[in-house]
Amino acid sequence: MKLTAPIPVLRIFDEAKAKAFYVDWLGFTVDWEHRFGDDFPLYLQVSRDGCVLHLSEHHGDATPGSRLRIHCDDIDGFATDLKQRPYKFAHPGAPEKMPWGTRELTLGDPFGNRLTFSSPPG
């Protein structure tokens, strides 16, 4: 038996805002999208490197305001990449050194979810 990394489901309320944040700014790719019919809520998977997220407009799939941690092997490179991409709703600073040894950058999505990108300790 083998367990794999979990895939978090984050609640979204607006497809255009979600894609502007996750795809256009953070650099994720849309892997697939699903709707049960016309004018139904969207459920989609986005990924970047080994990070996979599910985003859902379905009521009850997830709670707005969730927080998740995403390990990043080059937090400074990631922060530099974000600063080079235009996104008028966020202008992140430099990653912060944490007391437990990691360096972290926390970003809020348009729906109240918080994503903390974290470097390895040391």
N, C-alpha and C. Protein backbone atom coordinates (compact mmCIF):
# COMPACT_ATOMS: atom_id res chain seq x y z
N MET A 1 0.85 -1.18 0.00
CA MET A 1 0.00 0.00 0.00
C MET A 1 0.89 1.24 0.00
N LYS A 2 0.54 2.22 -0.80
CA LYS A 2 1.31 3.45 -0.90
C LYS A 2 0.37 4.65 -0.93
N LEU A 3 0.65 5.62 -0.09
CA LEU A 3 -0.11 6.87 -0.11
C LEU A 3 0.64 7.89 -0.96
N THR A 4 -0.10 8.76 -1.60
CA THR A 4 0.51 9.83 -2.37
C THR A 4 0.14 11.17 -1.74
N ALA A 5 0.70 12.24 -2.27
CA ALA A 5 0.40 13.57 -1.76
C ALA A 5 -1.09 13.87 -1.91
N PRO A 6 -1.71 14.52 -0.93
CA PRO A 6 -3.13 14.87 -1.05
C PRO A 6 -3.32 15.96 -2.11
N ILE A 7 -4.51 16.03 -2.63
CA ILE A 7 -4.88 17.09 -3.56
C ILE A 7 -5.94 17.94 -2.87
N PRO A 8 -5.57 19.15 -2.45
CA PRO A 8 -6.56 19.99 -1.77
C PRO A 8 -7.61 20.51 -2.74
N VAL A 9 -8.82 20.69 -2.22
CA VAL A 9 -9.92 21.30 -2.97
C VAL A 9 -10.15 22.67 -2.36
N LEU A 10 -10.06 23.71 -3.18
CA LEU A 10 -10.26 25.07 -2.72
C LEU A 10 -11.53 25.63 -3.34
N ARG A 11 -12.31 26.33 -2.54
CA ARG A 11 -13.56 26.92 -3.02
C ARG A 11 -13.26 28.20 -3.79
N ILE A 12 -13.88 28.33 -4.95
CA ILE A 12 -13.80 29.55 -5.76
C ILE A 12 -15.22 30.01 -6.07
N PHE A 13 -15.36 31.28 -6.46
CA PHE A 13 -16.68 31.82 -6.75
C PHE A 13 -16.78 32.45 -8.13
N ASP A 14 -15.65 32.57 -8.82
CA ASP A 14 -15.63 33.26 -10.10
C ASP A 14 -14.53 32.66 -10.96
N GLU A 15 -14.91 32.06 -12.07
CA GLU A 15 -13.95 31.38 -12.95
C GLU A 15 -12.87 32.33 -13.47
N ALA A 16 -13.25 33.51 -13.92
CA ALA A 16 -12.27 34.45 -14.48
C ALA A 16 -11.26 34.89 -13.42
N LYS A 17 -11.73 35.19 -12.21
CA LYS A 17 -10.82 35.60 -11.14
C LYS A 17 -9.90 34.46 -10.73
N ALA A 18 -10.44 33.24 -10.69
CA ALA A 18 -9.63 32.08 -10.33
C ALA A 18 -8.52 31.85 -11.35
N LYS A 19 -8.85 31.92 -12.63
CA LYS A 19 -7.84 31.71 -13.67
C LYS A 19 -6.82 32.85 -13.70
N ALA A 20 -7.27 34.08 -13.46
CA ALA A 20 -6.33 35.20 -13.42
C ALA A 20 -5.30 35.00 -12.31
N PHE A 21 -5.74 34.51 -11.16
CA PHE A 21 -4.84 34.31 -10.02
C PHE A 21 -3.99 33.06 -10.19
N TYR A 22 -4.61 31.90 -10.38
CA TYR A 22 -3.88 30.62 -10.38
C TYR A 22 -3.11 30.37 -11.68
N VAL A 23 -3.68 30.72 -12.81
CA VAL A 23 -3.05 30.42 -14.10
C VAL A 23 -2.17 31.59 -14.56
N ASP A 24 -2.78 32.75 -14.72
CA ASP A 24 -2.04 33.88 -15.28
C ASP A 24 -0.94 34.38 -14.34
N TRP A 25 -1.22 34.44 -13.03
CA TRP A 25 -0.23 35.01 -12.12
C TRP A 25 0.67 33.96 -11.48
N LEU A 26 0.09 32.91 -10.89
CA LEU A 26 0.92 31.90 -10.22
C LEU A 26 1.58 30.93 -11.19
N GLY A 27 1.12 30.87 -12.42
CA GLY A 27 1.77 30.03 -13.42
C GLY A 27 1.31 28.59 -13.45
N PHE A 28 0.15 28.30 -12.86
CA PHE A 28 -0.41 26.95 -12.95
C PHE A 28 -0.99 26.74 -14.34
N THR A 29 -1.18 25.49 -14.71
CA THR A 29 -1.79 25.10 -15.98
C THR A 29 -3.12 24.44 -15.68
N VAL A 30 -4.14 24.73 -16.47
CA VAL A 30 -5.42 24.03 -16.33
C VAL A 30 -5.25 22.65 -16.96
N ASP A 31 -5.41 21.60 -16.15
CA ASP A 31 -5.29 20.23 -16.63
C ASP A 31 -6.60 19.73 -17.22
N TRP A 32 -7.69 20.06 -16.54
CA TRP A 32 -9.02 19.70 -17.04
C TRP A 32 -10.08 20.52 -16.31
N GLU A 33 -11.26 20.60 -16.93
CA GLU A 33 -12.41 21.30 -16.36
C GLU A 33 -13.63 20.40 -16.50
N HIS A 34 -14.57 20.54 -15.56
CA HIS A 34 -15.81 19.76 -15.63
C HIS A 34 -16.99 20.59 -15.16
N ARG A 35 -18.08 20.46 -15.90
CA ARG A 35 -19.39 21.00 -15.51
C ARG A 35 -20.42 19.91 -15.83
N PHE A 36 -21.42 19.78 -14.99
CA PHE A 36 -22.45 18.79 -15.24
C PHE A 36 -23.39 19.22 -16.36
N GLY A 37 -23.38 20.49 -16.72
CA GLY A 37 -24.21 21.00 -17.80
C GLY A 37 -23.99 22.48 -17.97
N ASP A 38 -24.68 23.06 -18.93
CA ASP A 38 -24.59 24.51 -19.13
C ASP A 38 -25.07 25.22 -17.88
N ASP A 39 -24.41 26.30 -17.54
CA ASP A 39 -24.78 27.12 -16.39
C ASP A 39 -24.71 26.35 -15.07
N PHE A 40 -23.81 25.37 -14.98
CA PHE A 40 -23.55 24.63 -13.75
C PHE A 40 -22.21 25.11 -13.18
N PRO A 41 -21.97 24.86 -11.89
CA PRO A 41 -20.69 25.26 -11.30
C PRO A 41 -19.51 24.53 -11.95
N LEU A 42 -18.38 25.20 -11.92
CA LEU A 42 -17.14 24.67 -12.49
C LEU A 42 -16.35 23.90 -11.45
N TYR A 43 -15.72 22.81 -11.86
CA TYR A 43 -14.76 22.06 -11.06
C TYR A 43 -13.57 21.84 -11.98
N LEU A 44 -12.36 22.21 -11.53
CA LEU A 44 -11.21 22.05 -12.40
C LEU A 44 -9.97 21.68 -11.62
N GLN A 45 -9.01 21.14 -12.35
CA GLN A 45 -7.70 20.83 -11.78
C GLN A 45 -6.67 21.73 -12.42
N VAL A 46 -5.80 22.32 -11.56
CA VAL A 46 -4.67 23.09 -12.03
C VAL A 46 -3.41 22.49 -11.43
N SER A 47 -2.29 22.65 -12.13
CA SER A 47 -1.03 22.11 -11.60
C SER A 47 0.13 22.97 -12.06
N ARG A 48 1.17 22.91 -11.26
CA ARG A 48 2.45 23.51 -11.62
C ARG A 48 3.51 22.62 -11.00
N ASP A 49 4.39 22.09 -11.84
CA ASP A 49 5.39 21.13 -11.39
C ASP A 49 4.68 19.99 -10.68
N GLY A 50 5.02 19.69 -9.44
CA GLY A 50 4.38 18.59 -8.72
C GLY A 50 3.21 19.01 -7.85
N CYS A 51 2.81 20.28 -7.92
CA CYS A 51 1.71 20.78 -7.10
C CYS A 51 0.40 20.69 -7.88
N VAL A 52 -0.57 19.97 -7.34
CA VAL A 52 -1.87 19.80 -7.98
C VAL A 52 -2.95 20.33 -7.04
N LEU A 53 -3.83 21.17 -7.57
CA LEU A 53 -4.94 21.73 -6.80
C LEU A 53 -6.24 21.51 -7.56
N HIS A 54 -7.31 21.28 -6.82
CA HIS A 54 -8.65 21.27 -7.40
C HIS A 54 -9.35 22.54 -6.95
N LEU A 55 -10.03 23.20 -7.87
CA LEU A 55 -10.77 24.42 -7.59
C LEU A 55 -12.23 24.16 -7.90
N SER A 56 -13.11 24.54 -6.99
CA SER A 56 -14.52 24.18 -7.15
C SER A 56 -15.45 25.35 -6.85
N GLU A 57 -16.43 25.54 -7.75
CA GLU A 57 -17.51 26.49 -7.52
C GLU A 57 -18.69 25.82 -6.82
N HIS A 58 -18.62 24.52 -6.61
CA HIS A 58 -19.74 23.77 -6.01
C HIS A 58 -19.90 24.10 -4.54
N HIS A 59 -21.09 24.49 -4.15
CA HIS A 59 -21.41 24.75 -2.75
C HIS A 59 -21.20 23.47 -1.95
N GLY A 60 -20.48 23.56 -0.87
CA GLY A 60 -20.27 22.41 -0.01
C GLY A 60 -19.01 21.62 -0.30
N ASP A 61 -18.32 21.90 -1.40
CA ASP A 61 -17.09 21.16 -1.70
C ASP A 61 -15.94 21.56 -0.80
N ALA A 62 -15.89 22.80 -0.40
CA ALA A 62 -14.80 23.29 0.43
C ALA A 62 -15.25 24.55 1.14
N THR A 63 -14.47 24.95 2.12
CA THR A 63 -14.80 26.14 2.90
C THR A 63 -13.91 27.30 2.47
N PRO A 64 -14.49 28.43 2.11
CA PRO A 64 -13.65 29.58 1.81
C PRO A 64 -12.79 29.93 3.02
N GLY A 65 -11.60 30.43 2.78
CA GLY A 65 -10.72 30.79 3.88
C GLY A 65 -9.80 29.67 4.30
N SER A 66 -9.67 28.64 3.48
CA SER A 66 -8.75 27.54 3.79
C SER A 66 -7.31 28.01 3.66
N ARG A 67 -6.41 27.26 4.25
CA ARG A 67 -4.99 27.56 4.14
C ARG A 67 -4.26 26.28 3.80
N LEU A 68 -3.29 26.40 2.90
CA LEU A 68 -2.46 25.24 2.59
C LEU A 68 -1.03 25.67 2.43
N ARG A 69 -0.14 24.71 2.64
CA ARG A 69 1.30 24.94 2.52
C ARG A 69 1.81 24.20 1.30
N ILE A 70 2.64 24.90 0.52
CA ILE A 70 3.20 24.33 -0.69
C ILE A 70 4.71 24.46 -0.60
N HIS A 71 5.41 23.33 -0.61
CA HIS A 71 6.86 23.36 -0.54
C HIS A 71 7.43 23.84 -1.88
N CYS A 72 8.45 24.68 -1.80
CA CYS A 72 9.06 25.29 -2.98
C CYS A 72 10.57 25.21 -2.82
N ASP A 73 11.26 24.60 -3.75
CA ASP A 73 12.72 24.42 -3.59
C ASP A 73 13.51 25.69 -3.88
N ASP A 74 12.89 26.71 -4.51
CA ASP A 74 13.57 27.97 -4.79
C ASP A 74 12.59 29.11 -4.52
N ILE A 75 12.40 29.43 -3.26
CA ILE A 75 11.41 30.44 -2.87
C ILE A 75 11.77 31.82 -3.41
N ASP A 76 13.07 32.12 -3.49
CA ASP A 76 13.48 33.43 -4.03
C ASP A 76 13.18 33.52 -5.52
N GLY A 77 13.46 32.44 -6.25
CA GLY A 77 13.14 32.40 -7.68
C GLY A 77 11.65 32.52 -7.92
N PHE A 78 10.85 31.86 -7.07
CA PHE A 78 9.40 31.93 -7.19
C PHE A 78 8.91 33.36 -6.94
N ALA A 79 9.44 34.00 -5.89
CA ALA A 79 9.05 35.39 -5.59
C ALA A 79 9.43 36.32 -6.73
N THR A 80 10.61 36.14 -7.30
CA THR A 80 11.05 36.96 -8.43
C THR A 80 10.14 36.75 -9.63
N ASP A 81 9.77 35.50 -9.89
CA ASP A 81 8.86 35.17 -10.99
C ASP A 81 7.53 35.89 -10.82
N LEU A 82 6.98 35.89 -9.60
CA LEU A 82 5.70 36.55 -9.35
C LEU A 82 5.79 38.06 -9.59
N LYS A 83 6.90 38.66 -9.17
CA LYS A 83 7.06 40.10 -9.33
C LYS A 83 7.14 40.51 -10.80
N GLN A 84 7.54 39.58 -11.67
CA GLN A 84 7.64 39.87 -13.09
C GLN A 84 6.33 39.68 -13.83
N ARG A 85 5.35 39.08 -13.16
CA ARG A 85 4.04 38.86 -13.78
C ARG A 85 3.07 39.92 -13.26
N PRO A 86 2.38 40.61 -14.13
CA PRO A 86 1.45 41.64 -13.65
C PRO A 86 0.21 41.03 -13.00
N TYR A 87 -0.13 41.50 -11.80
CA TYR A 87 -1.37 41.12 -11.11
C TYR A 87 -1.72 42.27 -10.20
N LYS A 88 -2.76 43.00 -10.54
CA LYS A 88 -3.04 44.25 -9.84
C LYS A 88 -3.57 44.08 -8.42
N PHE A 89 -3.94 42.87 -8.02
CA PHE A 89 -4.53 42.68 -6.70
C PHE A 89 -3.54 42.21 -5.64
N ALA A 90 -2.28 41.99 -6.00
CA ALA A 90 -1.28 41.57 -5.01
C ALA A 90 0.10 41.95 -5.48
N HIS A 91 0.89 42.39 -4.53
CA HIS A 91 2.28 42.74 -4.78
C HIS A 91 3.10 42.17 -3.62
N PRO A 92 3.48 40.89 -3.71
CA PRO A 92 4.15 40.26 -2.58
C PRO A 92 5.54 40.82 -2.33
N GLY A 93 5.92 40.81 -1.07
CA GLY A 93 7.26 41.21 -0.69
C GLY A 93 8.21 40.02 -0.80
N ALA A 94 9.31 40.14 -0.10
CA ALA A 94 10.30 39.06 -0.08
C ALA A 94 9.84 37.96 0.88
N PRO A 95 10.26 36.73 0.64
CA PRO A 95 9.96 35.65 1.58
C PRO A 95 10.53 35.98 2.97
N GLU A 96 9.81 35.57 4.00
CA GLU A 96 10.21 35.84 5.37
C GLU A 96 10.87 34.62 6.00
N LYS A 97 11.92 34.85 6.79
CA LYS A 97 12.58 33.78 7.54
C LYS A 97 11.72 33.48 8.76
N MET A 98 11.40 32.21 8.96
CA MET A 98 10.55 31.80 10.07
C MET A 98 11.41 31.23 11.20
N PRO A 99 10.93 31.26 12.44
CA PRO A 99 11.70 30.75 13.57
C PRO A 99 12.05 29.27 13.45
N TRP A 100 11.27 28.50 12.70
CA TRP A 100 11.51 27.06 12.57
C TRP A 100 12.44 26.73 11.40
N GLY A 101 13.01 27.77 10.75
CA GLY A 101 14.05 27.54 9.77
C GLY A 101 13.66 27.63 8.32
N THR A 102 12.38 27.72 8.01
CA THR A 102 11.96 27.86 6.62
C THR A 102 11.90 29.33 6.24
N ARG A 103 11.80 29.59 4.95
CA ARG A 103 11.50 30.92 4.43
C ARG A 103 10.17 30.79 3.71
N GLU A 104 9.26 31.72 3.97
CA GLU A 104 7.89 31.57 3.50
C GLU A 104 7.34 32.84 2.86
N LEU A 105 6.42 32.61 1.94
CA LEU A 105 5.69 33.68 1.26
C LEU A 105 4.23 33.26 1.25
N THR A 106 3.37 34.04 1.90
CA THR A 106 1.95 33.71 1.96
C THR A 106 1.17 34.66 1.06
N LEU A 107 0.32 34.08 0.23
CA LEU A 107 -0.51 34.83 -0.72
C LEU A 107 -1.97 34.48 -0.49
N GLY A 108 -2.83 35.46 -0.59
CA GLY A 108 -4.27 35.22 -0.50
C GLY A 108 -4.88 35.23 -1.88
N ASP A 109 -5.73 34.23 -2.16
CA ASP A 109 -6.42 34.22 -3.45
C ASP A 109 -7.66 35.12 -3.37
N PRO A 110 -8.36 35.34 -4.47
CA PRO A 110 -9.52 36.25 -4.45
C PRO A 110 -10.71 35.73 -3.62
N PHE A 111 -10.62 34.52 -3.09
CA PHE A 111 -11.74 33.91 -2.39
C PHE A 111 -11.47 33.69 -0.91
N GLY A 112 -10.38 34.27 -0.41
CA GLY A 112 -10.05 34.17 1.00
C GLY A 112 -9.18 32.99 1.37
N ASN A 113 -8.79 32.18 0.41
CA ASN A 113 -7.88 31.06 0.69
C ASN A 113 -6.46 31.61 0.78
N ARG A 114 -5.64 31.01 1.65
CA ARG A 114 -4.25 31.45 1.82
C ARG A 114 -3.31 30.32 1.42
N LEU A 115 -2.38 30.65 0.56
CA LEU A 115 -1.37 29.69 0.10
C LEU A 115 -0.02 30.13 0.64
N THR A 116 0.60 29.29 1.46
CA THR A 116 1.93 29.58 1.99
C THR A 116 2.94 28.75 1.24
N PHE A 117 3.80 29.43 0.49
CA PHE A 117 4.88 28.76 -0.22
C PHE A 117 6.07 28.77 0.71
N SER A 118 6.69 27.60 0.90
CA SER A 118 7.70 27.42 1.93
C SER A 118 8.94 26.72 1.38
N SER A 119 10.11 27.27 1.74
CA SER A 119 11.37 26.64 1.37
C SER A 119 11.73 25.57 2.40
N PRO A 120 12.61 24.65 2.04
CA PRO A 120 13.07 23.68 3.04
C PRO A 120 13.84 24.39 4.16
N PRO A 121 13.82 23.83 5.38
CA PRO A 121 14.60 24.44 6.47
C PRO A 121 16.09 24.42 6.17
N GLY A 122 16.78 25.41 6.75
CA GLY A 122 18.23 25.39 6.62
C GLY A 122 18.81 26.51 5.85
